[in-house]
mmCIF file of all heavy atoms, coordinates in Angstrom:
data_MODEL
# 
_entry.id   MODEL 
# 
loop_
_atom_site.group_PDB 
_atom_site.id 
_atom_site.type_symbol 
_atom_site.label_atom_id 
_atom_site.label_alt_id 
_atom_site.label_comp_id 
_atom_site.label_asym_id 
_atom_site.label_entity_id 
_atom_site.label_seq_id 
_atom_site.pdbx_PDB_ins_code 
_atom_site.Cartn_x 
_atom_site.Cartn_y 
_atom_site.Cartn_z 
_atom_site.occupancy 
_atom_site.B_iso_or_equiv 
_atom_site.pdbx_formal_charge 
_atom_site.auth_seq_id 
_atom_site.auth_comp_id 
_atom_site.auth_asym_id 
_atom_site.auth_atom_id 
_atom_site.pdbx_PDB_model_num 
ATOM 1   N N   . ALA A 1 1  ? 107.643 80.276 122.663 1.00 0.00 ? 1  ALA A N   1 
ATOM 2   C CA  . ALA A 1 1  ? 106.810 79.490 121.735 1.00 0.00 ? 1  ALA A CA  1 
ATOM 3   C C   . ALA A 1 1  ? 107.436 79.533 120.336 1.00 0.00 ? 1  ALA A C   1 
ATOM 4   O O   . ALA A 1 1  ? 108.159 80.459 120.010 1.00 0.00 ? 1  ALA A O   1 
ATOM 5   C CB  . ALA A 1 1  ? 105.406 80.077 121.710 1.00 0.00 ? 1  ALA A CB  1 
ATOM 6   N N   . SER A 1 2  ? 107.133 78.524 119.571 1.00 0.00 ? 2  SER A N   1 
ATOM 7   C CA  . SER A 1 2  ? 107.561 78.501 118.186 1.00 0.00 ? 2  SER A CA  1 
ATOM 8   C C   . SER A 1 2  ? 106.523 77.882 117.276 1.00 0.00 ? 2  SER A C   1 
ATOM 9   O O   . SER A 1 2  ? 105.624 77.137 117.759 1.00 0.00 ? 2  SER A O   1 
ATOM 10  C CB  . SER A 1 2  ? 108.878 77.706 118.054 1.00 0.00 ? 2  SER A CB  1 
ATOM 11  O OG  . SER A 1 2  ? 108.686 76.348 118.337 1.00 0.00 ? 2  SER A OG  1 
ATOM 12  N N   . ILE A 1 3  ? 106.585 78.263 116.041 1.00 0.00 ? 3  ILE A N   1 
ATOM 13  C CA  . ILE A 1 3  ? 105.701 77.687 115.018 1.00 0.00 ? 3  ILE A CA  1 
ATOM 14  C C   . ILE A 1 3  ? 106.482 77.392 113.766 1.00 0.00 ? 3  ILE A C   1 
ATOM 15  O O   . ILE A 1 3  ? 107.259 78.256 113.289 1.00 0.00 ? 3  ILE A O   1 
ATOM 16  C CB  . ILE A 1 3  ? 104.518 78.685 114.758 1.00 0.00 ? 3  ILE A CB  1 
ATOM 17  C CG1 . ILE A 1 3  ? 103.531 78.013 113.809 1.00 0.00 ? 3  ILE A CG1 1 
ATOM 18  C CG2 . ILE A 1 3  ? 104.973 79.993 114.258 1.00 0.00 ? 3  ILE A CG2 1 
ATOM 19  C CD1 . ILE A 1 3  ? 102.162 78.764 113.765 1.00 0.00 ? 3  ILE A CD1 1 
ATOM 20  N N   . SER A 1 4  ? 106.353 76.165 113.270 1.00 0.00 ? 4  SER A N   1 
ATOM 21  C CA  . SER A 1 4  ? 107.103 75.795 112.113 1.00 0.00 ? 4  SER A CA  1 
ATOM 22  C C   . SER A 1 4  ? 106.426 76.324 110.786 1.00 0.00 ? 4  SER A C   1 
ATOM 23  O O   . SER A 1 4  ? 105.262 76.806 110.883 1.00 0.00 ? 4  SER A O   1 
ATOM 24  C CB  . SER A 1 4  ? 107.178 74.244 112.024 1.00 0.00 ? 4  SER A CB  1 
ATOM 25  O OG  . SER A 1 4  ? 105.933 73.726 111.692 1.00 0.00 ? 4  SER A OG  1 
ATOM 26  N N   . ARG A 1 5  ? 107.047 76.153 109.704 1.00 0.00 ? 5  ARG A N   1 
ATOM 27  C CA  . ARG A 1 5  ? 106.480 76.623 108.421 1.00 0.00 ? 5  ARG A CA  1 
ATOM 28  C C   . ARG A 1 5  ? 105.220 75.793 108.114 1.00 0.00 ? 5  ARG A C   1 
ATOM 29  O O   . ARG A 1 5  ? 104.341 76.262 107.350 1.00 0.00 ? 5  ARG A O   1 
ATOM 30  C CB  . ARG A 1 5  ? 107.497 76.505 107.290 1.00 0.00 ? 5  ARG A CB  1 
ATOM 31  C CG  . ARG A 1 5  ? 108.058 75.104 107.115 1.00 0.00 ? 5  ARG A CG  1 
ATOM 32  C CD  . ARG A 1 5  ? 109.183 75.239 106.062 1.00 0.00 ? 5  ARG A CD  1 
ATOM 33  N NE  . ARG A 1 5  ? 109.763 73.926 105.809 1.00 0.00 ? 5  ARG A NE  1 
ATOM 34  C CZ  . ARG A 1 5  ? 110.870 73.760 105.040 1.00 0.00 ? 5  ARG A CZ  1 
ATOM 35  N NH1 . ARG A 1 5  ? 111.453 74.783 104.472 1.00 0.00 ? 5  ARG A NH1 1 
ATOM 36  N NH2 . ARG A 1 5  ? 111.285 72.537 104.799 1.00 0.00 ? 5  ARG A NH2 1 
ATOM 37  N N   . SER A 1 6  ? 105.096 74.571 108.711 1.00 0.00 ? 6  SER A N   1 
ATOM 38  C CA  . SER A 1 6  ? 103.938 73.763 108.432 1.00 0.00 ? 6  SER A CA  1 
ATOM 39  C C   . SER A 1 6  ? 102.829 74.039 109.451 1.00 0.00 ? 6  SER A C   1 
ATOM 40  O O   . SER A 1 6  ? 101.750 73.439 109.337 1.00 0.00 ? 6  SER A O   1 
ATOM 41  C CB  . SER A 1 6  ? 104.299 72.279 108.438 1.00 0.00 ? 6  SER A CB  1 
ATOM 42  O OG  . SER A 1 6  ? 104.742 71.904 109.733 1.00 0.00 ? 6  SER A OG  1 
ATOM 43  N N   . GLY A 1 7  ? 103.161 74.866 110.472 1.00 0.00 ? 7  GLY A N   1 
ATOM 44  C CA  . GLY A 1 7  ? 102.116 75.215 111.457 1.00 0.00 ? 7  GLY A CA  1 
ATOM 45  C C   . GLY A 1 7  ? 102.219 74.437 112.805 1.00 0.00 ? 7  GLY A C   1 
ATOM 46  O O   . GLY A 1 7  ? 101.413 74.666 113.659 1.00 0.00 ? 7  GLY A O   1 
ATOM 47  N N   . SER A 1 8  ? 103.209 73.586 112.868 1.00 0.00 ? 8  SER A N   1 
ATOM 48  C CA  . SER A 1 8  ? 103.399 72.863 114.195 1.00 0.00 ? 8  SER A CA  1 
ATOM 49  C C   . SER A 1 8  ? 103.859 73.815 115.223 1.00 0.00 ? 8  SER A C   1 
ATOM 50  O O   . SER A 1 8  ? 104.714 74.716 114.971 1.00 0.00 ? 8  SER A O   1 
ATOM 51  C CB  . SER A 1 8  ? 104.396 71.745 114.028 1.00 0.00 ? 8  SER A CB  1 
ATOM 52  O OG  . SER A 1 8  ? 103.918 70.788 113.116 1.00 0.00 ? 8  SER A OG  1 
ATOM 53  N N   . THR A 1 9  ? 103.360 73.710 116.430 1.00 0.00 ? 9  THR A N   1 
ATOM 54  C CA  . THR A 1 9  ? 103.650 74.656 117.499 1.00 0.00 ? 9  THR A CA  1 
ATOM 55  C C   . THR A 1 9  ? 104.338 73.966 118.708 1.00 0.00 ? 9  THR A C   1 
ATOM 56  O O   . THR A 1 9  ? 104.207 72.780 118.926 1.00 0.00 ? 9  THR A O   1 
ATOM 57  C CB  . THR A 1 9  ? 102.409 75.390 117.993 1.00 0.00 ? 9  THR A CB  1 
ATOM 58  O OG1 . THR A 1 9  ? 101.445 74.403 118.419 1.00 0.00 ? 9  THR A OG1 1 
ATOM 59  C CG2 . THR A 1 9  ? 101.810 76.197 116.893 1.00 0.00 ? 9  THR A CG2 1 
ATOM 60  N N   . TYR A 1 10 ? 105.083 74.776 119.425 1.00 0.00 ? 10 TYR A N   1 
ATOM 61  C CA  . TYR A 1 10 ? 105.758 74.381 120.674 1.00 0.00 ? 10 TYR A CA  1 
ATOM 62  C C   . TYR A 1 10 ? 105.550 75.483 121.716 1.00 0.00 ? 10 TYR A C   1 
ATOM 63  O O   . TYR A 1 10 ? 105.560 76.674 121.349 1.00 0.00 ? 10 TYR A O   1 
ATOM 64  C CB  . TYR A 1 10 ? 107.227 74.144 120.485 1.00 0.00 ? 10 TYR A CB  1 
ATOM 65  C CG  . TYR A 1 10 ? 107.997 74.090 121.786 1.00 0.00 ? 10 TYR A CG  1 
ATOM 66  C CD1 . TYR A 1 10 ? 108.122 72.978 122.541 1.00 0.00 ? 10 TYR A CD1 1 
ATOM 67  C CD2 . TYR A 1 10 ? 108.562 75.288 122.225 1.00 0.00 ? 10 TYR A CD2 1 
ATOM 68  C CE1 . TYR A 1 10 ? 108.796 72.989 123.734 1.00 0.00 ? 10 TYR A CE1 1 
ATOM 69  C CE2 . TYR A 1 10 ? 109.283 75.301 123.429 1.00 0.00 ? 10 TYR A CE2 1 
ATOM 70  C CZ  . TYR A 1 10 ? 109.315 74.128 124.186 1.00 0.00 ? 10 TYR A CZ  1 
ATOM 71  O OH  . TYR A 1 10 ? 110.017 74.142 125.367 1.00 0.00 ? 10 TYR A OH  1 
ATOM 72  N N   . TYR A 1 11 ? 105.324 75.074 122.938 1.00 0.00 ? 11 TYR A N   1 
ATOM 73  C CA  . TYR A 1 11 ? 105.187 76.099 124.028 1.00 0.00 ? 11 TYR A CA  1 
ATOM 74  C C   . TYR A 1 11 ? 106.009 75.684 125.207 1.00 0.00 ? 11 TYR A C   1 
ATOM 75  O O   . TYR A 1 11 ? 106.082 74.481 125.586 1.00 0.00 ? 11 TYR A O   1 
ATOM 76  C CB  . TYR A 1 11 ? 103.701 76.223 124.488 1.00 0.00 ? 11 TYR A CB  1 
ATOM 77  C CG  . TYR A 1 11 ? 102.770 76.710 123.415 1.00 0.00 ? 11 TYR A CG  1 
ATOM 78  C CD1 . TYR A 1 11 ? 102.057 75.815 122.605 1.00 0.00 ? 11 TYR A CD1 1 
ATOM 79  C CD2 . TYR A 1 11 ? 102.657 78.048 123.154 1.00 0.00 ? 11 TYR A CD2 1 
ATOM 80  C CE1 . TYR A 1 11 ? 101.211 76.266 121.590 1.00 0.00 ? 11 TYR A CE1 1 
ATOM 81  C CE2 . TYR A 1 11 ? 101.805 78.562 122.180 1.00 0.00 ? 11 TYR A CE2 1 
ATOM 82  C CZ  . TYR A 1 11 ? 101.111 77.624 121.405 1.00 0.00 ? 11 TYR A CZ  1 
ATOM 83  O OH  . TYR A 1 11 ? 100.284 78.079 120.428 1.00 0.00 ? 11 TYR A OH  1 
ATOM 84  N N   . ALA A 1 12 ? 106.626 76.664 125.837 1.00 0.00 ? 12 ALA A N   1 
ATOM 85  C CA  . ALA A 1 12 ? 107.268 76.423 127.138 1.00 0.00 ? 12 ALA A CA  1 
ATOM 86  C C   . ALA A 1 12 ? 106.216 76.054 128.121 1.00 0.00 ? 12 ALA A C   1 
ATOM 87  O O   . ALA A 1 12 ? 105.061 76.532 128.084 1.00 0.00 ? 12 ALA A O   1 
ATOM 88  C CB  . ALA A 1 12 ? 108.041 77.657 127.582 1.00 0.00 ? 12 ALA A CB  1 
ATOM 89  N N   . ASP A 1 13 ? 106.601 75.193 129.103 1.00 0.00 ? 13 ASP A N   1 
ATOM 90  C CA  . ASP A 1 13 ? 105.648 74.808 130.116 1.00 0.00 ? 13 ASP A CA  1 
ATOM 91  C C   . ASP A 1 13 ? 105.002 75.934 130.843 1.00 0.00 ? 13 ASP A C   1 
ATOM 92  O O   . ASP A 1 13 ? 103.873 75.950 131.234 1.00 0.00 ? 13 ASP A O   1 
ATOM 93  C CB  . ASP A 1 13 ? 106.305 73.847 131.136 1.00 0.00 ? 13 ASP A CB  1 
ATOM 94  C CG  . ASP A 1 13 ? 106.639 72.472 130.531 1.00 0.00 ? 13 ASP A CG  1 
ATOM 95  O OD1 . ASP A 1 13 ? 106.008 72.124 129.485 1.00 0.00 ? 13 ASP A OD1 1 
ATOM 96  O OD2 . ASP A 1 13 ? 107.443 71.777 131.055 1.00 0.00 ? 13 ASP A OD2 1 
ATOM 97  N N   . SER A 1 14 ? 105.788 77.033 131.046 1.00 0.00 ? 14 SER A N   1 
ATOM 98  C CA  . SER A 1 14 ? 105.334 78.124 131.832 1.00 0.00 ? 14 SER A CA  1 
ATOM 99  C C   . SER A 1 14 ? 104.235 78.934 131.136 1.00 0.00 ? 14 SER A C   1 
ATOM 100 O O   . SER A 1 14 ? 103.509 79.677 131.849 1.00 0.00 ? 14 SER A O   1 
ATOM 101 C CB  . SER A 1 14 ? 106.510 79.095 132.139 1.00 0.00 ? 14 SER A CB  1 
ATOM 102 O OG  . SER A 1 14 ? 107.141 79.538 130.946 1.00 0.00 ? 14 SER A OG  1 
ATOM 103 N N   . VAL A 1 15 ? 104.014 78.762 129.887 1.00 0.00 ? 15 VAL A N   1 
ATOM 104 C CA  . VAL A 1 15 ? 102.973 79.490 129.118 1.00 0.00 ? 15 VAL A CA  1 
ATOM 105 C C   . VAL A 1 15 ? 101.927 78.654 128.515 1.00 0.00 ? 15 VAL A C   1 
ATOM 106 O O   . VAL A 1 15 ? 100.939 79.150 127.953 1.00 0.00 ? 15 VAL A O   1 
ATOM 107 C CB  . VAL A 1 15 ? 103.642 80.445 128.045 1.00 0.00 ? 15 VAL A CB  1 
ATOM 108 C CG1 . VAL A 1 15 ? 104.694 81.332 128.653 1.00 0.00 ? 15 VAL A CG1 1 
ATOM 109 C CG2 . VAL A 1 15 ? 104.167 79.634 126.900 1.00 0.00 ? 15 VAL A CG2 1 
ATOM 110 N N   . LYS A 1 16 ? 102.116 77.339 128.610 1.00 0.00 ? 16 LYS A N   1 
ATOM 111 C CA  . LYS A 1 16 ? 101.220 76.398 127.957 1.00 0.00 ? 16 LYS A CA  1 
ATOM 112 C C   . LYS A 1 16 ? 99.790  76.619 128.517 1.00 0.00 ? 16 LYS A C   1 
ATOM 113 O O   . LYS A 1 16 ? 99.553  76.706 129.742 1.00 0.00 ? 16 LYS A O   1 
ATOM 114 C CB  . LYS A 1 16 ? 101.674 74.965 128.229 1.00 0.00 ? 16 LYS A CB  1 
ATOM 115 C CG  . LYS A 1 16 ? 101.316 73.969 127.180 1.00 0.00 ? 16 LYS A CG  1 
ATOM 116 C CD  . LYS A 1 16 ? 102.027 72.644 127.384 1.00 0.00 ? 16 LYS A CD  1 
ATOM 117 C CE  . LYS A 1 16 ? 103.477 72.709 127.038 1.00 0.00 ? 16 LYS A CE  1 
ATOM 118 N NZ  . LYS A 1 16 ? 104.113 71.407 127.184 1.00 0.00 ? 16 LYS A NZ  1 
ATOM 119 N N   . GLY A 1 17 ? 98.809  76.705 127.565 1.00 0.00 ? 17 GLY A N   1 
ATOM 120 C CA  . GLY A 1 17 ? 97.439  76.901 127.987 1.00 0.00 ? 17 GLY A CA  1 
ATOM 121 C C   . GLY A 1 17 ? 97.067  78.384 128.161 1.00 0.00 ? 17 GLY A C   1 
ATOM 122 O O   . GLY A 1 17 ? 95.889  78.721 128.260 1.00 0.00 ? 17 GLY A O   1 
ATOM 123 N N   . ARG A 1 18 ? 98.096  79.284 128.142 1.00 0.00 ? 18 ARG A N   1 
ATOM 124 C CA  . ARG A 1 18 ? 97.745  80.696 128.266 1.00 0.00 ? 18 ARG A CA  1 
ATOM 125 C C   . ARG A 1 18 ? 98.207  81.496 127.037 1.00 0.00 ? 18 ARG A C   1 
ATOM 126 O O   . ARG A 1 18 ? 97.546  82.523 126.712 1.00 0.00 ? 18 ARG A O   1 
ATOM 127 C CB  . ARG A 1 18 ? 98.539  81.252 129.482 1.00 0.00 ? 18 ARG A CB  1 
ATOM 128 C CG  . ARG A 1 18 ? 98.164  80.614 130.798 1.00 0.00 ? 18 ARG A CG  1 
ATOM 129 C CD  . ARG A 1 18 ? 98.874  81.402 131.954 1.00 0.00 ? 18 ARG A CD  1 
ATOM 130 N NE  . ARG A 1 18 ? 100.275 81.375 131.914 1.00 0.00 ? 18 ARG A NE  1 
ATOM 131 C CZ  . ARG A 1 18 ? 101.055 82.445 131.871 1.00 0.00 ? 18 ARG A CZ  1 
ATOM 132 N NH1 . ARG A 1 18 ? 100.509 83.640 131.836 1.00 0.00 ? 18 ARG A NH1 1 
ATOM 133 N NH2 . ARG A 1 18 ? 102.410 82.326 131.848 1.00 0.00 ? 18 ARG A NH2 1 
ATOM 134 N N   . PHE A 1 19 ? 99.207  81.056 126.321 1.00 0.00 ? 19 PHE A N   1 
ATOM 135 C CA  . PHE A 1 19 ? 99.738  81.736 125.158 1.00 0.00 ? 19 PHE A CA  1 
ATOM 136 C C   . PHE A 1 19 ? 99.386  80.908 123.920 1.00 0.00 ? 19 PHE A C   1 
ATOM 137 O O   . PHE A 1 19 ? 99.427  79.692 123.973 1.00 0.00 ? 19 PHE A O   1 
ATOM 138 C CB  . PHE A 1 19 ? 101.262 81.957 125.223 1.00 0.00 ? 19 PHE A CB  1 
ATOM 139 C CG  . PHE A 1 19 ? 101.709 82.940 126.265 1.00 0.00 ? 19 PHE A CG  1 
ATOM 140 C CD1 . PHE A 1 19 ? 100.865 83.500 127.257 1.00 0.00 ? 19 PHE A CD1 1 
ATOM 141 C CD2 . PHE A 1 19 ? 103.027 83.384 126.253 1.00 0.00 ? 19 PHE A CD2 1 
ATOM 142 C CE1 . PHE A 1 19 ? 101.290 84.374 128.187 1.00 0.00 ? 19 PHE A CE1 1 
ATOM 143 C CE2 . PHE A 1 19 ? 103.488 84.251 127.206 1.00 0.00 ? 19 PHE A CE2 1 
ATOM 144 C CZ  . PHE A 1 19 ? 102.610 84.755 128.165 1.00 0.00 ? 19 PHE A CZ  1 
ATOM 145 N N   . THR A 1 20 ? 99.191  81.590 122.788 1.00 0.00 ? 20 THR A N   1 
ATOM 146 C CA  . THR A 1 20 ? 98.947  80.999 121.501 1.00 0.00 ? 20 THR A CA  1 
ATOM 147 C C   . THR A 1 20 ? 99.784  81.644 120.442 1.00 0.00 ? 20 THR A C   1 
ATOM 148 O O   . THR A 1 20 ? 99.650  82.854 120.269 1.00 0.00 ? 20 THR A O   1 
ATOM 149 C CB  . THR A 1 20 ? 97.471  80.983 121.145 1.00 0.00 ? 20 THR A CB  1 
ATOM 150 O OG1 . THR A 1 20 ? 96.709  80.388 122.171 1.00 0.00 ? 20 THR A OG1 1 
ATOM 151 C CG2 . THR A 1 20 ? 97.225  80.309 119.840 1.00 0.00 ? 20 THR A CG2 1 
ATOM 152 N N   . ILE A 1 21 ? 100.595 80.840 119.722 1.00 0.00 ? 21 ILE A N   1 
ATOM 153 C CA  . ILE A 1 21 ? 101.370 81.407 118.649 1.00 0.00 ? 21 ILE A CA  1 
ATOM 154 C C   . ILE A 1 21 ? 100.633 81.065 117.316 1.00 0.00 ? 21 ILE A C   1 
ATOM 155 O O   . ILE A 1 21 ? 100.095 79.928 117.183 1.00 0.00 ? 21 ILE A O   1 
ATOM 156 C CB  . ILE A 1 21 ? 102.827 80.832 118.639 1.00 0.00 ? 21 ILE A CB  1 
ATOM 157 C CG1 . ILE A 1 21 ? 103.649 81.577 117.625 1.00 0.00 ? 21 ILE A CG1 1 
ATOM 158 C CG2 . ILE A 1 21 ? 102.858 79.353 118.408 1.00 0.00 ? 21 ILE A CG2 1 
ATOM 159 C CD1 . ILE A 1 21 ? 105.158 81.279 117.689 1.00 0.00 ? 21 ILE A CD1 1 
ATOM 160 N N   . SER A 1 22 ? 100.613 82.006 116.390 1.00 0.00 ? 22 SER A N   1 
ATOM 161 C CA  . SER A 1 22 ? 100.020 81.747 115.113 1.00 0.00 ? 22 SER A CA  1 
ATOM 162 C C   . SER A 1 22 ? 100.766 82.557 114.089 1.00 0.00 ? 22 SER A C   1 
ATOM 163 O O   . SER A 1 22 ? 101.538 83.431 114.400 1.00 0.00 ? 22 SER A O   1 
ATOM 164 C CB  . SER A 1 22 ? 98.529  82.142 115.157 1.00 0.00 ? 22 SER A CB  1 
ATOM 165 O OG  . SER A 1 22 ? 98.346  83.504 115.437 1.00 0.00 ? 22 SER A OG  1 
ATOM 166 N N   . ARG A 1 23 ? 100.442 82.258 112.784 1.00 0.00 ? 23 ARG A N   1 
ATOM 167 C CA  . ARG A 1 23 ? 101.085 83.014 111.743 1.00 0.00 ? 23 ARG A CA  1 
ATOM 168 C C   . ARG A 1 23 ? 100.079 83.258 110.580 1.00 0.00 ? 23 ARG A C   1 
ATOM 169 O O   . ARG A 1 23 ? 99.175  82.478 110.399 1.00 0.00 ? 23 ARG A O   1 
ATOM 170 C CB  . ARG A 1 23 ? 102.308 82.234 111.208 1.00 0.00 ? 23 ARG A CB  1 
ATOM 171 C CG  . ARG A 1 23 ? 102.002 80.865 110.563 1.00 0.00 ? 23 ARG A CG  1 
ATOM 172 C CD  . ARG A 1 23 ? 103.258 80.109 110.305 1.00 0.00 ? 23 ARG A CD  1 
ATOM 173 N NE  . ARG A 1 23 ? 104.203 80.740 109.363 1.00 0.00 ? 23 ARG A NE  1 
ATOM 174 C CZ  . ARG A 1 23 ? 105.476 80.517 109.335 1.00 0.00 ? 23 ARG A CZ  1 
ATOM 175 N NH1 . ARG A 1 23 ? 106.004 79.607 110.116 1.00 0.00 ? 23 ARG A NH1 1 
ATOM 176 N NH2 . ARG A 1 23 ? 106.192 81.208 108.461 1.00 0.00 ? 23 ARG A NH2 1 
ATOM 177 N N   . ASP A 1 24 ? 100.335 84.339 109.894 1.00 0.00 ? 24 ASP A N   1 
ATOM 178 C CA  . ASP A 1 24 ? 99.614  84.701 108.683 1.00 0.00 ? 24 ASP A CA  1 
ATOM 179 C C   . ASP A 1 24 ? 100.581 84.946 107.603 1.00 0.00 ? 24 ASP A C   1 
ATOM 180 O O   . ASP A 1 24 ? 101.228 85.964 107.517 1.00 0.00 ? 24 ASP A O   1 
ATOM 181 C CB  . ASP A 1 24 ? 98.758  85.984 109.014 1.00 0.00 ? 24 ASP A CB  1 
ATOM 182 C CG  . ASP A 1 24 ? 97.843  86.295 107.847 1.00 0.00 ? 24 ASP A CG  1 
ATOM 183 O OD1 . ASP A 1 24 ? 98.075  85.865 106.689 1.00 0.00 ? 24 ASP A OD1 1 
ATOM 184 O OD2 . ASP A 1 24 ? 96.827  86.997 108.072 1.00 0.00 ? 24 ASP A OD2 1 
ATOM 185 N N   . ASN A 1 25 ? 100.730 83.960 106.770 1.00 0.00 ? 25 ASN A N   1 
ATOM 186 C CA  . ASN A 1 25 ? 101.756 84.023 105.724 1.00 0.00 ? 25 ASN A CA  1 
ATOM 187 C C   . ASN A 1 25 ? 101.452 85.105 104.644 1.00 0.00 ? 25 ASN A C   1 
ATOM 188 O O   . ASN A 1 25 ? 102.309 85.685 104.068 1.00 0.00 ? 25 ASN A O   1 
ATOM 189 C CB  . ASN A 1 25 ? 101.921 82.679 104.972 1.00 0.00 ? 25 ASN A CB  1 
ATOM 190 C CG  . ASN A 1 25 ? 102.580 81.615 105.906 1.00 0.00 ? 25 ASN A CG  1 
ATOM 191 O OD1 . ASN A 1 25 ? 103.223 81.949 106.870 1.00 0.00 ? 25 ASN A OD1 1 
ATOM 192 N ND2 . ASN A 1 25 ? 102.357 80.368 105.548 1.00 0.00 ? 25 ASN A ND2 1 
ATOM 193 N N   . ALA A 1 26 ? 100.158 85.407 104.519 1.00 0.00 ? 26 ALA A N   1 
ATOM 194 C CA  . ALA A 1 26 ? 99.771  86.431 103.532 1.00 0.00 ? 26 ALA A CA  1 
ATOM 195 C C   . ALA A 1 26 ? 100.254 87.839 103.999 1.00 0.00 ? 26 ALA A C   1 
ATOM 196 O O   . ALA A 1 26 ? 100.429 88.744 103.179 1.00 0.00 ? 26 ALA A O   1 
ATOM 197 C CB  . ALA A 1 26 ? 98.282  86.392 103.332 1.00 0.00 ? 26 ALA A CB  1 
ATOM 198 N N   . LYS A 1 27 ? 100.358 87.947 105.342 1.00 0.00 ? 27 LYS A N   1 
ATOM 199 C CA  . LYS A 1 27 ? 100.784 89.224 105.922 1.00 0.00 ? 27 LYS A CA  1 
ATOM 200 C C   . LYS A 1 27 ? 102.175 89.202 106.405 1.00 0.00 ? 27 LYS A C   1 
ATOM 201 O O   . LYS A 1 27 ? 102.704 90.158 107.033 1.00 0.00 ? 27 LYS A O   1 
ATOM 202 C CB  . LYS A 1 27 ? 99.818  89.624 107.075 1.00 0.00 ? 27 LYS A CB  1 
ATOM 203 C CG  . LYS A 1 27 ? 98.412  89.863 106.664 1.00 0.00 ? 27 LYS A CG  1 
ATOM 204 C CD  . LYS A 1 27 ? 97.565  90.345 107.845 1.00 0.00 ? 27 LYS A CD  1 
ATOM 205 C CE  . LYS A 1 27 ? 96.099  90.598 107.407 1.00 0.00 ? 27 LYS A CE  1 
ATOM 206 N NZ  . LYS A 1 27 ? 95.270  91.019 108.538 1.00 0.00 ? 27 LYS A NZ  1 
ATOM 207 N N   . ASN A 1 28 ? 102.871 88.089 106.214 1.00 0.00 ? 28 ASN A N   1 
ATOM 208 C CA  . ASN A 1 28 ? 104.292 87.961 106.694 1.00 0.00 ? 28 ASN A CA  1 
ATOM 209 C C   . ASN A 1 28 ? 104.397 88.279 108.201 1.00 0.00 ? 28 ASN A C   1 
ATOM 210 O O   . ASN A 1 28 ? 105.362 88.953 108.592 1.00 0.00 ? 28 ASN A O   1 
ATOM 211 C CB  . ASN A 1 28 ? 105.217 88.917 105.892 1.00 0.00 ? 28 ASN A CB  1 
ATOM 212 C CG  . ASN A 1 28 ? 105.615 88.385 104.561 1.00 0.00 ? 28 ASN A CG  1 
ATOM 213 O OD1 . ASN A 1 28 ? 104.998 87.417 104.046 1.00 0.00 ? 28 ASN A OD1 1 
ATOM 214 N ND2 . ASN A 1 28 ? 106.552 88.989 103.916 1.00 0.00 ? 28 ASN A ND2 1 
ATOM 215 N N   . THR A 1 29 ? 103.460 87.785 108.959 1.00 0.00 ? 29 THR A N   1 
ATOM 216 C CA  . THR A 1 29 ? 103.381 88.167 110.363 1.00 0.00 ? 29 THR A CA  1 
ATOM 217 C C   . THR A 1 29 ? 103.145 86.929 111.234 1.00 0.00 ? 29 THR A C   1 
ATOM 218 O O   . THR A 1 29 ? 102.397 86.039 110.873 1.00 0.00 ? 29 THR A O   1 
ATOM 219 C CB  . THR A 1 29 ? 102.260 89.165 110.579 1.00 0.00 ? 29 THR A CB  1 
ATOM 220 O OG1 . THR A 1 29 ? 102.498 90.344 109.765 1.00 0.00 ? 29 THR A OG1 1 
ATOM 221 C CG2 . THR A 1 29 ? 102.198 89.555 112.063 1.00 0.00 ? 29 THR A CG2 1 
ATOM 222 N N   . VAL A 1 30 ? 103.860 86.943 112.353 1.00 0.00 ? 30 VAL A N   1 
ATOM 223 C CA  . VAL A 1 30 ? 103.635 85.909 113.375 1.00 0.00 ? 30 VAL A CA  1 
ATOM 224 C C   . VAL A 1 30 ? 103.072 86.626 114.629 1.00 0.00 ? 30 VAL A C   1 
ATOM 225 O O   . VAL A 1 30 ? 103.459 87.803 114.884 1.00 0.00 ? 30 VAL A O   1 
ATOM 226 C CB  . VAL A 1 30 ? 104.897 85.080 113.697 1.00 0.00 ? 30 VAL A CB  1 
ATOM 227 C CG1 . VAL A 1 30 ? 106.028 85.998 114.229 1.00 0.00 ? 30 VAL A CG1 1 
ATOM 228 C CG2 . VAL A 1 30 ? 104.573 83.987 114.700 1.00 0.00 ? 30 VAL A CG2 1 
# 
């Protein structure tokens, strides 16, 4: 999975619907 600086996300087909990527810029954490 990936997440852009603007928040757009991508998921591999094998994990779509099961995994969620997110980011917290205040905590420098994905």
